Amino acid sequence: MQSATLTIEEYEKIIPYTDIIEGAHTLRYSTPNTMTQWRVQSLRTKEPDTLTWIAGFQNGDILVDVGANVGMYTIWAAKTREVQVFAFEPESQNYALLNKNIYINQMSGWVRAYSVALSDTEGFSDLYLSQFSAGGSCHTFGEQVDFNLNPFNSAFNQGCYCTTLDKLVAQGIVPAPHHIKIDVDGIEHKVIKGSATTLTNPKLQSVLIELNTNLELHRDLISYMKGLGYGLSQEQLNIAIRTSGTFTGVGNHIFRRDLA
């Protein structure tokens, strides 16, 4: 029996997308594998507090998305709230899909994506990948550790450049933001350290940080942010922090000035 094969021309015509409807908006995401398709299918249920947070943005606000992955929340914020997004995603396959999602949603006027890591220093190092797959996560810049900051064997080491949010803002590359989202699977404390000046800008209204409450370094960030004049909602934390599974104790902490 002759096996079925695709020509290059036929293969090029296969363009898997998954759409999601939000009010009057149709958001389209490129979904070349099951992981990226799952990200779309679980968008409303995986982190509903993130969507509620975004719903409170004002048109024209500026969002910095640190660890944007393929742009699930970047596209959601830009398209449903008409906010300007500066998205940072260093992993090569995710960065390519992030830009593709910006393109197919015609959001190039609203979103600018950068293939660099953000941390507390500047320079070249390695990005240690947990898996080499589009839509993957739990990658770490500069340290071969997992989300618990324990050593792990990376699937692939990618060359990468890193800088700080403070330097980008000081140079005028990124405007002082109204909102910041940080989800980098372990080194959130380093991103915060590299954003120390930006966090004190009165223009900044809220900061969403995925924290691992099992780590003292992350627990210390709660006191640090409160000391800067940000408050937390216990109701939001009750929804966000996972109580079972691999990521028990991990969850979004949404720091807001109006809750201080």
Protein backbone atom coordinates (compact mmCIF):
# COMPACT_ATOMS: atom_id res chain seq x y z
CA MET A 1 0.00 0.00 0.00
CA GLN A 2 1.32 3.40 -0.96
CA SER A 3 1.71 5.74 2.01
CA ALA A 4 0.10 9.17 1.84
CA THR A 5 2.57 12.01 1.66
CA LEU A 6 2.27 15.76 1.47
CA THR A 7 4.06 17.93 -1.01
CA ILE A 8 5.78 21.05 0.29
CA GLU A 9 3.04 23.10 -1.36
CA GLU A 10 0.31 21.10 0.42
CA TYR A 11 2.15 21.34 3.73
CA GLU A 12 2.45 25.11 3.43
CA LYS A 13 -1.34 25.36 3.15
CA ILE A 14 -1.80 23.74 6.57
CA ILE A 15 -2.20 26.71 8.88
CA PRO A 16 -3.67 25.58 12.22
CA TYR A 17 -5.37 28.40 14.13
CA THR A 18 -7.70 28.42 17.11
CA ASP A 19 -10.12 31.31 17.64
CA ILE A 20 -11.69 32.57 20.84
CA ILE A 21 -14.53 35.07 21.06
CA GLU A 22 -14.56 37.78 23.70
CA GLY A 23 -17.46 40.18 23.31
CA ALA A 24 -17.17 41.84 19.91
CA HIS A 25 -13.59 40.63 19.48
CA THR A 26 -12.27 37.52 17.75
CA LEU A 27 -8.83 36.58 18.98
CA ARG A 28 -6.86 34.22 16.75
CA TYR A 29 -3.89 32.20 17.95
CA SER A 30 -1.53 30.06 15.91
CA THR A 31 -1.70 26.53 17.33
CA PRO A 32 0.87 24.30 15.62
CA ASN A 33 0.85 21.67 18.39
CA THR A 34 -1.29 20.34 21.23
CA MET A 35 0.43 22.54 23.83
CA THR A 36 -0.42 25.79 22.08
CA GLN A 37 -3.96 24.58 21.39
CA TRP A 38 -4.36 23.75 25.08
CA ARG A 39 -3.25 27.27 25.98
CA VAL A 40 -6.14 28.68 23.94
CA GLN A 41 -8.68 26.14 25.16
CA SER A 42 -7.77 26.78 28.81
CA LEU A 43 -7.38 30.55 28.52
CA ARG A 44 -10.57 31.36 30.43
CA THR A 45 -10.07 28.73 33.14
CA LYS A 46 -6.31 28.49 33.76
CA GLU A 47 -5.86 31.95 35.33
CA PRO A 48 -9.25 33.69 35.44
CA ASP A 49 -7.83 36.29 37.84
CA THR A 50 -5.46 37.46 35.09
CA LEU A 51 -8.37 38.11 32.74
CA THR A 52 -10.27 39.94 35.49
CA TRP A 53 -7.17 42.05 36.11
CA ILE A 54 -6.84 42.92 32.42
CA ALA A 55 -10.55 43.81 32.24
CA GLY A 56 -9.82 46.70 34.59
CA PHE A 57 -7.28 48.33 32.27
CA GLN A 58 -8.11 51.62 30.61
CA ASN A 59 -7.77 52.16 26.87
CA GLY A 60 -4.32 53.50 26.15
CA ASP A 61 -2.69 52.04 29.26
CA ILE A 62 0.79 50.55 28.92
CA LEU A 63 1.40 46.92 29.94
CA VAL A 64 4.80 45.26 30.24
CA ASP A 65 4.43 41.48 29.87
CA VAL A 66 7.54 39.71 31.19
CA GLY A 67 7.54 36.05 30.17
CA ALA A 68 4.90 36.48 27.48
CA ASN A 69 5.24 32.94 26.09
CA VAL A 70 3.26 32.83 22.79
CA GLY A 71 1.25 35.93 23.72
CA MET A 72 -1.97 34.61 25.22
CA TYR A 73 -2.41 37.57 27.57
CA THR A 74 -0.50 40.04 25.41
CA ILE A 75 -3.01 39.60 22.58
CA TRP A 76 -5.97 39.51 24.98
CA ALA A 77 -4.98 42.81 26.59
CA ALA A 78 -4.13 44.58 23.35
CA LYS A 79 -7.22 43.48 21.47
CA THR A 80 -9.93 43.59 24.15
CA ARG A 81 -8.73 46.63 26.10
CA GLU A 82 -6.75 48.54 23.44
CA VAL A 83 -3.68 48.82 25.65
CA GLN A 84 -0.13 49.16 24.39
CA VAL A 85 1.91 46.08 25.27
CA PHE A 86 5.66 45.60 25.48
CA ALA A 87 6.16 41.83 25.57
CA PHE A 88 9.35 40.00 26.53
CA GLU A 89 9.87 36.35 25.59
CA PRO A 90 13.40 34.97 25.10
CA GLU A 91 12.60 31.37 24.08
CA SER A 92 13.05 31.06 20.31
CA GLN A 93 9.93 29.10 19.31
CA ASN A 94 7.65 31.01 21.66
CA TYR A 95 9.02 34.32 20.39
CA ALA A 96 8.31 33.32 16.80
CA LEU A 97 4.71 32.39 17.65
CA LEU A 98 4.30 35.53 19.75
CA ASN A 99 5.14 37.63 16.71
CA LYS A 100 2.93 35.50 14.48
CA ASN A 101 0.02 36.02 16.86
CA ILE A 102 0.65 39.77 16.84
CA TYR A 103 0.65 39.69 13.03
CA ILE A 104 -2.48 37.60 12.47
CA ASN A 105 -4.44 39.73 14.95
CA GLN A 106 -3.23 42.92 13.23
CA MET A 107 -1.85 44.19 16.53
CA SER A 108 1.54 45.44 15.32
CA GLY A 109 0.48 48.99 16.15
CA TRP A 110 -0.34 47.96 19.72
CA VAL A 111 2.30 45.36 20.61
CA ARG A 112 6.08 45.34 20.44
CA ALA A 113 7.81 42.05 21.26
CA TYR A 114 11.43 41.60 22.27
CA SER A 115 13.43 38.36 22.30
CA VAL A 116 15.36 39.16 25.47
CA ALA A 117 15.16 38.03 29.08
CA LEU A 118 14.57 40.46 31.92
CA SER A 119 16.39 40.02 35.22
CA ASP A 120 18.59 42.02 37.61
CA THR A 121 21.64 42.28 35.37
CA GLU A 122 22.65 42.87 31.77
CA GLY A 123 24.63 40.62 29.45
CA PHE A 124 24.77 37.31 27.64
CA SER A 125 24.16 33.93 29.24
CA ASP A 126 22.15 30.76 28.62
CA LEU A 127 18.42 30.21 28.68
CA TYR A 128 17.87 26.71 30.10
CA LEU A 129 14.85 25.09 28.48
CA SER A 130 12.72 22.52 30.28
CA GLN A 131 11.55 21.28 26.88
CA PHE A 132 12.17 22.19 23.26
CA SER A 133 8.59 22.70 22.15
CA ALA A 134 6.47 25.65 21.06
CA GLY A 135 4.30 26.83 23.93
CA GLY A 136 6.58 25.28 26.54
CA SER A 137 7.35 26.97 29.84
CA CYS A 138 9.46 26.61 33.01
CA HIS A 139 12.60 27.86 31.28
CA THR A 140 15.17 29.79 33.34
CA PHE A 141 17.70 32.42 32.35
CA GLY A 142 21.20 32.32 33.80
CA GLU A 143 20.62 29.44 36.21
CA GLN A 144 19.95 25.79 35.47
CA VAL A 145 17.15 25.52 38.03
CA ASP A 146 13.46 24.70 38.00
CA PHE A 147 10.55 26.77 39.36
CA ASN A 148 11.47 25.63 42.89
CA LEU A 149 15.04 26.87 42.25
CA ASN A 150 16.30 23.28 42.42
CA PRO A 151 18.90 22.07 39.88
CA PHE A 152 17.46 20.31 36.84
CA ASN A 153 18.72 18.83 33.59
CA SER A 154 17.72 21.15 30.79
CA ALA A 155 16.51 19.79 27.47
CA PHE A 156 18.37 22.47 25.54
CA ASN A 157 20.56 25.48 26.32
CA GLN A 158 19.81 28.51 24.18
CA GLY A 159 22.07 31.54 23.94
CA CYS A 160 20.27 34.58 25.27
CA TYR A 161 20.67 38.25 26.12
CA CYS A 162 19.33 39.81 29.31
CA THR A 163 18.69 43.33 30.55
CA THR A 164 16.65 45.08 33.24
CA LEU A 165 13.31 46.82 33.00
CA ASP A 166 14.77 49.87 34.75
CA LYS A 167 17.38 50.28 32.01
CA LEU A 168 14.78 49.94 29.24
CA VAL A 169 12.57 52.57 30.85
CA ALA A 170 15.51 54.91 31.55
CA GLN A 171 16.59 54.68 27.91
CA GLY A 172 13.07 55.38 26.65
CA ILE A 173 12.81 52.03 24.90
CA VAL A 174 9.82 51.15 27.07
CA PRO A 175 7.57 53.92 28.44
CA ALA A 176 6.88 53.93 32.16
CA PRO A 177 4.09 51.33 32.40
CA HIS A 178 0.71 51.42 34.10
CA HIS A 179 0.76 47.65 34.63
CA ILE A 180 3.40 44.91 34.77
CA LYS A 181 2.90 41.15 34.47
CA ILE A 182 5.79 38.89 35.56
CA ASP A 183 5.67 35.13 35.00
CA VAL A 184 9.15 33.66 34.56
CA ASP A 185 8.85 30.40 36.54
CA GLY A 186 11.31 30.93 39.35
CA ILE A 187 13.44 34.07 39.06
CA GLU A 188 10.67 36.60 39.62
CA HIS A 189 12.72 38.06 42.48
CA LYS A 190 15.49 38.97 40.03
CA VAL A 191 13.06 40.68 37.64
CA ILE A 192 11.72 42.71 40.56
CA LYS A 193 15.23 43.71 41.62
CA GLY A 194 15.91 44.91 38.07
CA SER A 195 12.67 46.94 38.17
CA ALA A 196 13.25 48.70 41.52
CA THR A 197 13.05 52.24 40.14
CA THR A 198 10.13 51.52 37.81
CA LEU A 199 8.13 50.11 40.73
CA THR A 200 8.33 53.43 42.57
CA ASN A 201 6.90 55.43 39.66
CA PRO A 202 3.46 56.72 40.72
CA LYS A 203 2.21 56.05 37.19
CA LEU A 204 2.42 52.30 37.88
CA GLN A 205 -0.96 51.10 39.13
CA SER A 206 -0.61 47.34 39.44
CA VAL A 207 1.85 44.45 39.20
CA LEU A 208 0.87 40.82 38.67
CA ILE A 209 3.60 38.43 39.80
CA GLU A 210 3.35 34.65 39.80
CA LEU A 211 5.00 33.75 43.09
CA ASN A 212 6.02 30.41 44.56
CA THR A 213 5.06 30.75 48.22
CA ASN A 214 7.25 27.75 49.05
CA LEU A 215 10.30 29.95 48.44
CA GLU A 216 11.50 32.45 51.03
CA LEU A 217 12.84 34.68 48.24
CA HIS A 218 9.32 34.91 46.83
CA ARG A 219 7.61 35.37 50.19
CA ASP A 220 9.97 38.28 50.86
CA LEU A 221 8.66 39.96 47.70
CA ILE A 222 5.23 40.30 49.31
CA SER A 223 6.62 42.45 52.12
CA TYR A 224 8.78 44.35 49.65
CA MET A 225 5.86 45.26 47.42
CA LYS A 226 3.70 46.25 50.38
CA GLY A 227 6.54 48.50 51.54
CA LEU A 228 6.36 50.27 48.17
CA GLY A 229 2.70 51.06 48.70
CA TYR A 230 0.95 48.15 46.99
CA GLY A 231 -1.81 46.04 48.51
CA LEU A 232 -3.18 42.53 47.92
CA SER A 233 -6.66 41.06 47.81
CA GLN A 234 -7.05 37.92 49.91
CA GLU A 235 -10.05 36.97 47.79
CA GLN A 236 -7.88 37.03 44.67
CA LEU A 237 -5.17 34.97 46.38
CA ASN A 238 -7.70 32.36 47.48
CA ILE A 239 -8.60 31.83 43.83
CA ALA A 240 -5.09 32.03 42.40
CA ILE A 241 -2.82 29.95 44.65
CA ARG A 242 -2.84 26.29 43.68
CA THR A 243 -3.63 23.84 46.47
CA SER A 244 -2.74 20.58 44.74
CA GLY A 245 -0.54 19.14 42.01
CA THR A 246 2.99 19.90 40.90
CA PHE A 247 2.59 23.65 41.38
CA THR A 248 1.06 23.60 44.87
CA GLY A 249 1.69 26.96 46.53
CA VAL A 250 2.26 28.78 43.25
CA GLY A 251 -0.11 31.49 42.09
CA ASN A 252 -0.59 35.03 40.88
CA HIS A 253 -0.23 37.87 43.36
CA ILE A 254 -1.83 41.03 42.00
CA PHE A 255 -0.34 44.03 43.79
CA ARG A 256 -2.39 47.21 43.43
CA ARG A 257 -1.84 50.75 44.66
CA ASP A 258 -5.56 51.24 45.28
CA LEU A 259 -5.53 48.35 47.79
CA ALA A 260 -2.74 49.76 49.97
